[in-house]
Amino acid sequence: MRFYLFIHEPLIDTIMKATSTLTRKTALEILIESRDKNAINALIEQKEIALEEAINNAEWYASIGLDGMADDEVARKEKLIRDIERLRAAI
């Protein structure tokens, strides 16, 4: 996110740039930090079900020629795999 500050001086016009990065924790990060093993295990189970669905959806979309949607499901699958690995490492 960029903010520009315009300063008008009688003889000189100056533009000052400031760059700011705003970060906020995701629900996944908050859950991992909580160390709530029951909630983490429950989320792992939900994400494993979603992973199976993403794999099946990707194959189906590819089979009917919807390559863009298949790519979206592959990206979803890869994110789910990363999330599951992070959750398992937190237990």
PDB file of N, CA and C in Angstrom:
ATOM      1  N   MET A   1       0.839  -1.151   0.000  1.00  0.00           N
ATOM      2  CA  MET A   1       0.000   0.000   0.000  1.00  0.00           C
ATOM      3  C   MET A   1       0.899   1.233   0.000  1.00  0.00           C
ATOM      4  N   ARG A   2       0.624   2.159  -0.883  1.00  0.00           N
ATOM      5  CA  ARG A   2       1.448   3.346  -0.966  1.00  0.00           C
ATOM      6  C   ARG A   2       0.622   4.571  -0.639  1.00  0.00           C
ATOM      7  N   PHE A   3       1.220   5.456   0.094  1.00  0.00           N
ATOM      8  CA  PHE A   3       0.610   6.737   0.420  1.00  0.00           C
ATOM      9  C   PHE A   3       1.514   7.832  -0.136  1.00  0.00           C
ATOM     10  N   TYR A   4       0.936   8.821  -0.706  1.00  0.00           N
ATOM     11  CA  TYR A   4       1.704   9.938  -1.213  1.00  0.00           C
ATOM     12  C   TYR A   4       1.330  11.190  -0.436  1.00  0.00           C
ATOM     13  N   LEU A   5       2.329  11.915  -0.033  1.00  0.00           N
ATOM     14  CA  LEU A   5       2.134  13.151   0.692  1.00  0.00           C
ATOM     15  C   LEU A   5       2.610  14.281  -0.208  1.00  0.00           C
ATOM     16  N   PHE A   6       1.713  15.170  -0.548  1.00  0.00           N
ATOM     17  CA  PHE A   6       2.055  16.286  -1.407  1.00  0.00           C
ATOM     18  C   PHE A   6       2.285  17.512  -0.540  1.00  0.00           C
ATOM     19  N   ILE A   7       3.437  18.096  -0.681  1.00  0.00           N
ATOM     20  CA  ILE A   7       3.774  19.299   0.068  1.00  0.00           C
ATOM     21  C   ILE A   7       3.964  20.425  -0.944  1.00  0.00           C
ATOM     22  N   HIS A   8       3.213  21.483  -0.778  1.00  0.00           N
ATOM     23  CA  HIS A   8       3.346  22.621  -1.692  1.00  0.00           C
ATOM     24  C   HIS A   8       4.135  23.709  -0.985  1.00  0.00           C
ATOM     25  N   GLU A   9       5.236  24.035  -1.557  1.00  0.00           N
ATOM     26  CA  GLU A   9       6.053  25.129  -1.056  1.00  0.00           C
ATOM     27  C   GLU A   9       6.038  26.214  -2.119  1.00  0.00           C
ATOM     28  N   PRO A  10       6.224  27.434  -1.736  1.00  0.00           N
ATOM     29  CA  PRO A  10       6.135  28.512  -2.730  1.00  0.00           C
ATOM     30  C   PRO A  10       7.055  28.314  -3.934  1.00  0.00           C
ATOM     31  N   LEU A  11       8.254  27.877  -3.745  1.00  0.00           N
ATOM     32  CA  LEU A  11       9.183  27.762  -4.863  1.00  0.00           C
ATOM     33  C   LEU A  11       9.374  26.333  -5.338  1.00  0.00           C
ATOM     34  N   ILE A  12       9.061  25.351  -4.471  1.00  0.00           N
ATOM     35  CA  ILE A  12       9.366  23.956  -4.790  1.00  0.00           C
ATOM     36  C   ILE A  12       8.136  23.095  -4.522  1.00  0.00           C
ATOM     37  N   ASP A  13       7.782  22.253  -5.469  1.00  0.00           N
ATOM     38  CA  ASP A  13       6.749  21.237  -5.246  1.00  0.00           C
ATOM     39  C   ASP A  13       7.464  19.914  -5.023  1.00  0.00           C
ATOM     40  N   THR A  14       7.215  19.289  -3.881  1.00  0.00           N
ATOM     41  CA  THR A  14       7.910  18.060  -3.518  1.00  0.00           C
ATOM     42  C   THR A  14       6.892  16.954  -3.305  1.00  0.00           C
ATOM     43  N   ILE A  15       7.223  15.771  -3.784  1.00  0.00           N
ATOM     44  CA  ILE A  15       6.406  14.581  -3.515  1.00  0.00           C
ATOM     45  C   ILE A  15       7.232  13.658  -2.641  1.00  0.00           C
ATOM     46  N   MET A  16       6.680  13.309  -1.491  1.00  0.00           N
ATOM     47  CA  MET A  16       7.345  12.367  -0.588  1.00  0.00           C
ATOM     48  C   MET A  16       6.571  11.060  -0.638  1.00  0.00           C
ATOM     49  N   LYS A  17       7.277   9.980  -0.791  1.00  0.00           N
ATOM     50  CA  LYS A  17       6.650   8.662  -0.838  1.00  0.00           C
ATOM     51  C   LYS A  17       6.875   7.939   0.477  1.00  0.00           C
ATOM     52  N   ALA A  18       5.833   7.255   0.933  1.00  0.00           N
ATOM     53  CA  ALA A  18       5.950   6.398   2.111  1.00  0.00           C
ATOM     54  C   ALA A  18       5.322   5.062   1.756  1.00  0.00           C
ATOM     55  N   THR A  19       5.997   3.983   2.028  1.00  0.00           N
ATOM     56  CA  THR A  19       5.473   2.648   1.777  1.00  0.00           C
ATOM     57  C   THR A  19       5.150   2.004   3.104  1.00  0.00           C
ATOM     58  N   SER A  20       3.956   1.423   3.171  1.00  0.00           N
ATOM     59  CA  SER A  20       3.505   0.791   4.405  1.00  0.00           C
ATOM     60  C   SER A  20       2.996  -0.598   4.078  1.00  0.00           C
ATOM     61  N   THR A  21       3.346  -1.562   4.897  1.00  0.00           N
ATOM     62  CA  THR A  21       2.856  -2.920   4.738  1.00  0.00           C
ATOM     63  C   THR A  21       2.016  -3.267   5.962  1.00  0.00           C
ATOM     64  N   LEU A  22       0.774  -3.582   5.718  1.00  0.00           N
ATOM     65  CA  LEU A  22      -0.123  -3.955   6.800  1.00  0.00           C
ATOM     66  C   LEU A  22      -0.233  -5.473   6.823  1.00  0.00           C
ATOM     67  N   THR A  23      -0.060  -6.053   7.979  1.00  0.00           N
ATOM     68  CA  THR A  23      -0.183  -7.506   8.080  1.00  0.00           C
ATOM     69  C   THR A  23      -1.208  -7.847   9.143  1.00  0.00           C
ATOM     70  N   ARG A  24      -1.878  -8.933   8.921  1.00  0.00           N
ATOM     71  CA  ARG A  24      -2.845  -9.419   9.879  1.00  0.00           C
ATOM     72  C   ARG A  24      -2.760 -10.939   9.879  1.00  0.00           C
ATOM     73  N   LYS A  25      -2.869 -11.531  11.040  1.00  0.00           N
ATOM     74  CA  LYS A  25      -2.768 -12.996  11.126  1.00  0.00           C
ATOM     75  C   LYS A  25      -4.014 -13.634  10.541  1.00  0.00           C
ATOM     76  N   THR A  26      -3.799 -14.772   9.924  1.00  0.00           N
ATOM     77  CA  THR A  26      -4.919 -15.537   9.391  1.00  0.00           C
ATOM     78  C   THR A  26      -5.528 -16.365  10.513  1.00  0.00           C
ATOM     79  N   ALA A  27      -6.715 -16.867  10.265  1.00  0.00           N
ATOM     80  CA  ALA A  27      -7.368 -17.736  11.246  1.00  0.00           C
ATOM     81  C   ALA A  27      -6.524 -18.983  11.501  1.00  0.00           C
ATOM     82  N   LEU A  28      -5.862 -19.474  10.461  1.00  0.00           N
ATOM     83  CA  LEU A  28      -4.997 -20.645  10.600  1.00  0.00           C
ATOM     84  C   LEU A  28      -3.834 -20.342  11.542  1.00  0.00           C
ATOM     85  N   GLU A  29      -3.198 -19.194  11.375  1.00  0.00           N
ATOM     86  CA  GLU A  29      -2.081 -18.813  12.243  1.00  0.00           C
ATOM     87  C   GLU A  29      -2.531 -18.646  13.697  1.00  0.00           C
ATOM     88  N   ILE A  30      -3.691 -18.057  13.876  1.00  0.00           N
ATOM     89  CA  ILE A  30      -4.221 -17.865  15.235  1.00  0.00           C
ATOM     90  C   ILE A  30      -4.500 -19.211  15.881  1.00  0.00           C
ATOM     91  N   LEU A  31      -5.080 -20.134  15.125  1.00  0.00           N
ATOM     92  CA  LEU A  31      -5.372 -21.473  15.656  1.00  0.00           C
ATOM     93  C   LEU A  31      -4.084 -22.200  16.020  1.00  0.00           C
ATOM     94  N   ILE A  32      -3.074 -22.122  15.175  1.00  0.00           N
ATOM     95  CA  ILE A  32      -1.792 -22.786  15.450  1.00  0.00           C
ATOM     96  C   ILE A  32      -1.180 -22.214  16.725  1.00  0.00           C
ATOM     97  N   GLU A  33      -1.227 -20.904  16.880  1.00  0.00           N
ATOM     98  CA  GLU A  33      -0.671 -20.280  18.080  1.00  0.00           C
ATOM     99  C   GLU A  33      -1.443 -20.655  19.340  1.00  0.00           C
ATOM    100  N   SER A  34      -2.731 -20.979  19.197  1.00  0.00           N
ATOM    101  CA  SER A  34      -3.548 -21.340  20.364  1.00  0.00           C
ATOM    102  C   SER A  34      -3.148 -22.696  20.946  1.00  0.00           C
ATOM    103  N   ARG A  35      -2.529 -23.548  20.119  1.00  0.00           N
ATOM    104  CA  ARG A  35      -2.110 -24.897  20.535  1.00  0.00           C
ATOM    105  C   ARG A  35      -3.284 -25.778  20.994  1.00  0.00           C
ATOM    106  N   ASP A  36      -4.497 -25.467  20.515  1.00  0.00           N
ATOM    107  CA  ASP A  36      -5.691 -26.244  20.858  1.00  0.00           C
ATOM    108  C   ASP A  36      -5.708 -27.489  19.969  1.00  0.00           C
ATOM    109  N   LYS A  37      -5.224 -28.609  20.505  1.00  0.00           N
ATOM    110  CA  LYS A  37      -5.051 -29.829  19.708  1.00  0.00           C
ATOM    111  C   LYS A  37      -6.372 -30.361  19.160  1.00  0.00           C
ATOM    112  N   ASN A  38      -7.448 -30.251  19.949  1.00  0.00           N
ATOM    113  CA  ASN A  38      -8.744 -30.738  19.458  1.00  0.00           C
ATOM    114  C   ASN A  38      -9.206 -29.930  18.253  1.00  0.00           C
ATOM    115  N   ALA A  39      -9.084 -28.619  18.332  1.00  0.00           N
ATOM    116  CA  ALA A  39      -9.496 -27.768  17.218  1.00  0.00           C
ATOM    117  C   ALA A  39      -8.588 -27.976  16.013  1.00  0.00           C
ATOM    118  N   ILE A  40      -7.299 -28.138  16.250  1.00  0.00           N
ATOM    119  CA  ILE A  40      -6.361 -28.372  15.151  1.00  0.00           C
ATOM    120  C   ILE A  40      -6.680 -29.693  14.454  1.00  0.00           C
ATOM    121  N   ASN A  41      -6.930 -30.744  15.226  1.00  0.00           N
ATOM    122  CA  ASN A  41      -7.276 -32.040  14.629  1.00  0.00           C
ATOM    123  C   ASN A  41      -8.576 -31.965  13.848  1.00  0.00           C
ATOM    124  N   ALA A  42      -9.560 -31.232  14.374  1.00  0.00           N
ATOM    125  CA  ALA A  42     -10.835 -31.080  13.671  1.00  0.00           C
ATOM    126  C   ALA A  42     -10.629 -30.346  12.347  1.00  0.00           C
ATOM    127  N   LEU A  43      -9.785 -29.332  12.350  1.00  0.00           N
ATOM    128  CA  LEU A  43      -9.525 -28.592  11.117  1.00  0.00           C
ATOM    129  C   LEU A  43      -8.750 -29.446  10.118  1.00  0.00           C
ATOM    130  N   ILE A  44      -7.843 -30.269  10.603  1.00  0.00           N
ATOM    131  CA  ILE A  44      -7.120 -31.184   9.708  1.00  0.00           C
ATOM    132  C   ILE A  44      -8.115 -32.104   9.002  1.00  0.00           C
ATOM    133  N   GLU A  45      -9.060 -32.653   9.748  1.00  0.00           N
ATOM    134  CA  GLU A  45     -10.065 -33.537   9.144  1.00  0.00           C
ATOM    135  C   GLU A  45     -10.872 -32.801   8.079  1.00  0.00           C
ATOM    136  N   GLN A  46     -11.282 -31.563   8.372  1.00  0.00           N
ATOM    137  CA  GLN A  46     -12.057 -30.787   7.390  1.00  0.00           C
ATOM    138  C   GLN A  46     -11.230 -30.490   6.144  1.00  0.00           C
ATOM    139  N   LYS A  47      -9.979 -30.153   6.340  1.00  0.00           N
ATOM    140  CA  LYS A  47      -9.120 -29.825   5.200  1.00  0.00           C
ATOM    141  C   LYS A  47      -8.790 -31.071   4.380  1.00  0.00           C
ATOM    142  N   GLU A  48      -8.709 -32.237   5.011  1.00  0.00           N
ATOM    143  CA  GLU A  48      -8.479 -33.476   4.259  1.00  0.00           C
ATOM    144  C   GLU A  48      -9.675 -33.797   3.372  1.00  0.00           C
ATOM    145  N   ILE A  49     -10.890 -33.552   3.879  1.00  0.00           N
ATOM    146  CA  ILE A  49     -12.096 -33.756   3.064  1.00  0.00           C
ATOM    147  C   ILE A  49     -12.099 -32.773   1.890  1.00  0.00           C
ATOM    148  N   ALA A  50     -11.766 -31.511   2.179  1.00  0.00           N
ATOM    149  CA  ALA A  50     -11.706 -30.500   1.123  1.00  0.00           C
ATOM    150  C   ALA A  50     -10.627 -30.845   0.098  1.00  0.00           C
ATOM    151  N   LEU A  51      -9.530 -31.450   0.553  1.00  0.00           N
ATOM    152  CA  LEU A  51      -8.455 -31.857  -0.347  1.00  0.00           C
ATOM    153  C   LEU A  51      -8.942 -32.920  -1.323  1.00  0.00           C
ATOM    154  N   GLU A  52      -9.662 -33.904  -0.821  1.00  0.00           N
ATOM    155  CA  GLU A  52     -10.216 -34.937  -1.705  1.00  0.00           C
ATOM    156  C   GLU A  52     -11.153 -34.312  -2.734  1.00  0.00           C
ATOM    157  N   GLU A  53     -11.982 -33.369  -2.282  1.00  0.00           N
ATOM    158  CA  GLU A  53     -12.909 -32.702  -3.202  1.00  0.00           C
ATOM    159  C   GLU A  53     -12.159 -31.902  -4.258  1.00  0.00           C
ATOM    160  N   ALA A  54     -11.089 -31.210  -3.846  1.00  0.00           N
ATOM    161  CA  ALA A  54     -10.318 -30.413  -4.803  1.00  0.00           C
ATOM    162  C   ALA A  54      -9.663 -31.300  -5.857  1.00  0.00           C
ATOM    163  N   ILE A  55      -9.143 -32.441  -5.427  1.00  0.00           N
ATOM    164  CA  ILE A  55      -8.528 -33.381  -6.376  1.00  0.00           C
ATOM    165  C   ILE A  55      -9.566 -33.881  -7.372  1.00  0.00           C
ATOM    166  N   ASN A  56     -10.730 -34.306  -6.857  1.00  0.00           N
ATOM    167  CA  ASN A  56     -11.794 -34.805  -7.739  1.00  0.00           C
ATOM    168  C   ASN A  56     -12.298 -33.713  -8.683  1.00  0.00           C
ATOM    169  N   ASN A  57     -12.475 -32.503  -8.145  1.00  0.00           N
ATOM    170  CA  ASN A  57     -12.954 -31.395  -8.974  1.00  0.00           C
ATOM    171  C   ASN A  57     -11.957 -31.067 -10.080  1.00  0.00           C
ATOM    172  N   ALA A  58     -10.666 -31.042  -9.738  1.00  0.00           N
ATOM    173  CA  ALA A  58      -9.642 -30.730 -10.738  1.00  0.00           C
ATOM    174  C   ALA A  58      -9.668 -31.746 -11.867  1.00  0.00           C
ATOM    175  N   GLU A  59      -9.775 -33.013 -11.517  1.00  0.00           N
ATOM    176  CA  GLU A  59      -9.821 -34.065 -12.538  1.00  0.00           C
ATOM    177  C   GLU A  59     -11.072 -33.924 -13.407  1.00  0.00           C
ATOM    178  N   TRP A  60     -12.206 -33.635 -12.785  1.00  0.00           N
ATOM    179  CA  TRP A  60     -13.460 -33.526 -13.524  1.00  0.00           C
ATOM    180  C   TRP A  60     -13.447 -32.321 -14.455  1.00  0.00           C
ATOM    181  N   TYR A  61     -13.019 -31.162 -13.935  1.00  0.00           N
ATOM    182  CA  TYR A  61     -12.957 -29.974 -14.780  1.00  0.00           C
ATOM    183  C   TYR A  61     -12.016 -30.188 -15.958  1.00  0.00           C
ATOM    184  N   ALA A  62     -10.886 -30.830 -15.710  1.00  0.00           N
ATOM    185  CA  ALA A  62      -9.937 -31.095 -16.798  1.00  0.00           C
ATOM    186  C   ALA A  62     -10.557 -32.032 -17.831  1.00  0.00           C
ATOM    187  N   SER A  63     -11.341 -33.000 -17.373  1.00  0.00           N
ATOM    188  CA  SER A  63     -11.927 -33.976 -18.292  1.00  0.00           C
ATOM    189  C   SER A  63     -12.982 -33.366 -19.210  1.00  0.00           C
ATOM    190  N   ILE A  64     -13.598 -32.268 -18.770  1.00  0.00           N
ATOM    191  CA  ILE A  64     -14.607 -31.641 -19.626  1.00  0.00           C
ATOM    192  C   ILE A  64     -14.076 -30.371 -20.292  1.00  0.00           C
ATOM    193  N   GLY A  65     -12.760 -30.162 -20.185  1.00  0.00           N
ATOM    194  CA  GLY A  65     -12.132 -29.071 -20.908  1.00  0.00           C
ATOM    195  C   GLY A  65     -12.162 -27.713 -20.240  1.00  0.00           C
ATOM    196  N   LEU A  66     -12.528 -27.647 -18.986  1.00  0.00           N
ATOM    197  CA  LEU A  66     -12.527 -26.379 -18.256  1.00  0.00           C
ATOM    198  C   LEU A  66     -11.187 -26.210 -17.541  1.00  0.00           C
ATOM    199  N   ASP A  67     -10.176 -25.899 -18.340  1.00  0.00           N
ATOM    200  CA  ASP A  67      -8.813 -25.857 -17.818  1.00  0.00           C
ATOM    201  C   ASP A  67      -8.606 -24.768 -16.772  1.00  0.00           C
ATOM    202  N   GLY A  68      -9.239 -23.632 -16.927  1.00  0.00           N
ATOM    203  CA  GLY A  68      -9.099 -22.556 -15.948  1.00  0.00           C
ATOM    204  C   GLY A  68      -9.618 -22.971 -14.587  1.00  0.00           C
ATOM    205  N   MET A  69     -10.774 -23.617 -14.578  1.00  0.00           N
ATOM    206  CA  MET A  69     -11.339 -24.075 -13.308  1.00  0.00           C
ATOM    207  C   MET A  69     -10.502 -25.216 -12.735  1.00  0.00           C
ATOM    208  N   ALA A  70      -9.972 -26.061 -13.599  1.00  0.00           N
ATOM    209  CA  ALA A  70      -9.095 -27.145 -13.137  1.00  0.00           C
ATOM    210  C   ALA A  70      -7.845 -26.563 -12.487  1.00  0.00           C
ATOM    211  N   ASP A  71      -7.297 -25.507 -13.089  1.00  0.00           N
ATOM    212  CA  ASP A  71      -6.120 -24.855 -12.503  1.00  0.00           C
ATOM    213  C   ASP A  71      -6.435 -24.268 -11.134  1.00  0.00           C
ATOM    214  N   ASP A  72      -7.625 -23.683 -10.999  1.00  0.00           N
ATOM    215  CA  ASP A  72      -8.036 -23.136  -9.703  1.00  0.00           C
ATOM    216  C   ASP A  72      -8.101 -24.230  -8.637  1.00  0.00           C
ATOM    217  N   GLU A  73      -8.636 -25.380  -9.022  1.00  0.00           N
ATOM    218  CA  GLU A  73      -8.739 -26.494  -8.069  1.00  0.00           C
ATOM    219  C   GLU A  73      -7.359 -27.056  -7.724  1.00  0.00           C
ATOM    220  N   VAL A  74      -6.444 -27.060  -8.666  1.00  0.00           N
ATOM    221  CA  VAL A  74      -5.075 -27.512  -8.391  1.00  0.00           C
ATOM    222  C   VAL A  74      -4.413 -26.552  -7.401  1.00  0.00           C
ATOM    223  N   ALA A  75      -4.618 -25.257  -7.597  1.00  0.00           N
ATOM    224  CA  ALA A  75      -4.066 -24.267  -6.660  1.00  0.00           C
ATOM    225  C   ALA A  75      -4.686 -24.447  -5.281  1.00  0.00           C
ATOM    226  N   ARG A  76      -5.992 -24.703  -5.238  1.00  0.00           N
ATOM    227  CA  ARG A  76      -6.675 -24.959  -3.962  1.00  0.00           C
ATOM    228  C   ARG A  76      -6.094 -26.198  -3.289  1.00  0.00           C
ATOM    229  N   LYS A  77      -5.862 -27.245  -4.084  1.00  0.00           N
ATOM    230  CA  LYS A  77      -5.280 -28.484  -3.556  1.00  0.00           C
ATOM    231  C   LYS A  77      -3.916 -28.224  -2.940  1.00  0.00           C
ATOM    232  N   GLU A  78      -3.083 -27.464  -3.640  1.00  0.00           N
ATOM    233  CA  GLU A  78      -1.730 -27.184  -3.145  1.00  0.00           C
ATOM    234  C   GLU A  78      -1.773 -26.372  -1.851  1.00  0.00           C
ATOM    235  N   LYS A  79      -2.703 -25.415  -1.759  1.00  0.00           N
ATOM    236  CA  LYS A  79      -2.831 -24.635  -0.526  1.00  0.00           C
ATOM    237  C   LYS A  79      -3.311 -25.512   0.623  1.00  0.00           C
ATOM    238  N   LEU A  80      -4.258 -26.388   0.343  1.00  0.00           N
ATOM    239  CA  LEU A  80      -4.750 -27.296   1.384  1.00  0.00           C
ATOM    240  C   LEU A  80      -3.631 -28.199   1.888  1.00  0.00           C
ATOM    241  N   ILE A  81      -2.801 -28.692   0.997  1.00  0.00           N
ATOM    242  CA  ILE A  81      -1.670 -29.542   1.396  1.00  0.00           C
ATOM    243  C   ILE A  81      -0.733 -28.762   2.311  1.00  0.00           C
ATOM    244  N   ARG A  82      -0.424 -27.519   1.927  1.00  0.00           N
ATOM    245  CA  ARG A  82       0.455 -26.690   2.782  1.00  0.00           C
ATOM    246  C   ARG A  82      -0.178 -26.440   4.149  1.00  0.00           C
ATOM    247  N   ASP A  83      -1.473 -26.150   4.164  1.00  0.00           N
ATOM    248  CA  ASP A  83      -2.166 -25.899   5.435  1.00  0.00           C
ATOM    249  C   ASP A  83      -2.161 -27.137   6.326  1.00  0.00           C
ATOM    250  N   ILE A  84      -2.425 -28.288   5.744  1.00  0.00           N
ATOM    251  CA  ILE A  84      -2.445 -29.537   6.510  1.00  0.00           C
ATOM    252  C   ILE A  84      -1.064 -29.820   7.094  1.00  0.00           C
ATOM    253  N   GLU A  85      -0.032 -29.594   6.292  1.00  0.00           N
ATOM    254  CA  GLU A  85       1.340 -29.809   6.794  1.00  0.00           C
ATOM    255  C   GLU A  85       1.651 -28.870   7.971  1.00  0.00           C
ATOM    256  N   ARG A  86       1.242 -27.619   7.849  1.00  0.00           N
ATOM    257  CA  ARG A  86       1.466 -26.653   8.947  1.00  0.00           C
ATOM    258  C   ARG A  86       0.717 -27.073  10.212  1.00  0.00           C
ATOM    259  N   LEU A  87      -0.511 -27.533  10.033  1.00  0.00           N
ATOM    260  CA  LEU A  87      -1.322 -27.952  11.180  1.00  0.00           C
ATOM    261  C   LEU A  87      -0.724 -29.190  11.846  1.00  0.00           C
ATOM    262  N   ARG A  88      -0.292 -30.145  11.045  1.00  0.00           N
ATOM    263  CA  ARG A  88       0.301 -31.354  11.621  1.00  0.00           C
ATOM    264  C   ARG A  88       1.594 -31.033  12.373  1.00  0.00           C
ATOM    265  N   ALA A  89       2.356 -30.089  11.870  1.00  0.00           N
ATOM    266  CA  ALA A  89       3.592 -29.693  12.539  1.00  0.00           C
ATOM    267  C   ALA A  89       3.305 -28.996  13.872  1.00  0.00           C
ATOM    268  N   ALA A  90       2.118 -28.430  14.015  1.00  0.00           N
ATOM    269  CA  ALA A  90       1.771 -27.702  15.224  1.00  0.00           C
ATOM    270  C   ALA A  90       1.319 -28.622  16.367  1.00  0.00           C
ATOM    271  N   ILE A  91       1.023 -29.868  16.043  1.00  0.00           N
ATOM    272  CA  ILE A  91       0.525 -30.782  17.096  1.00  0.00           C
ATOM    273  C   ILE A  91       1.703 -31.320  17.892  1.00  0.00           C
TER     274      ILE A  91
END
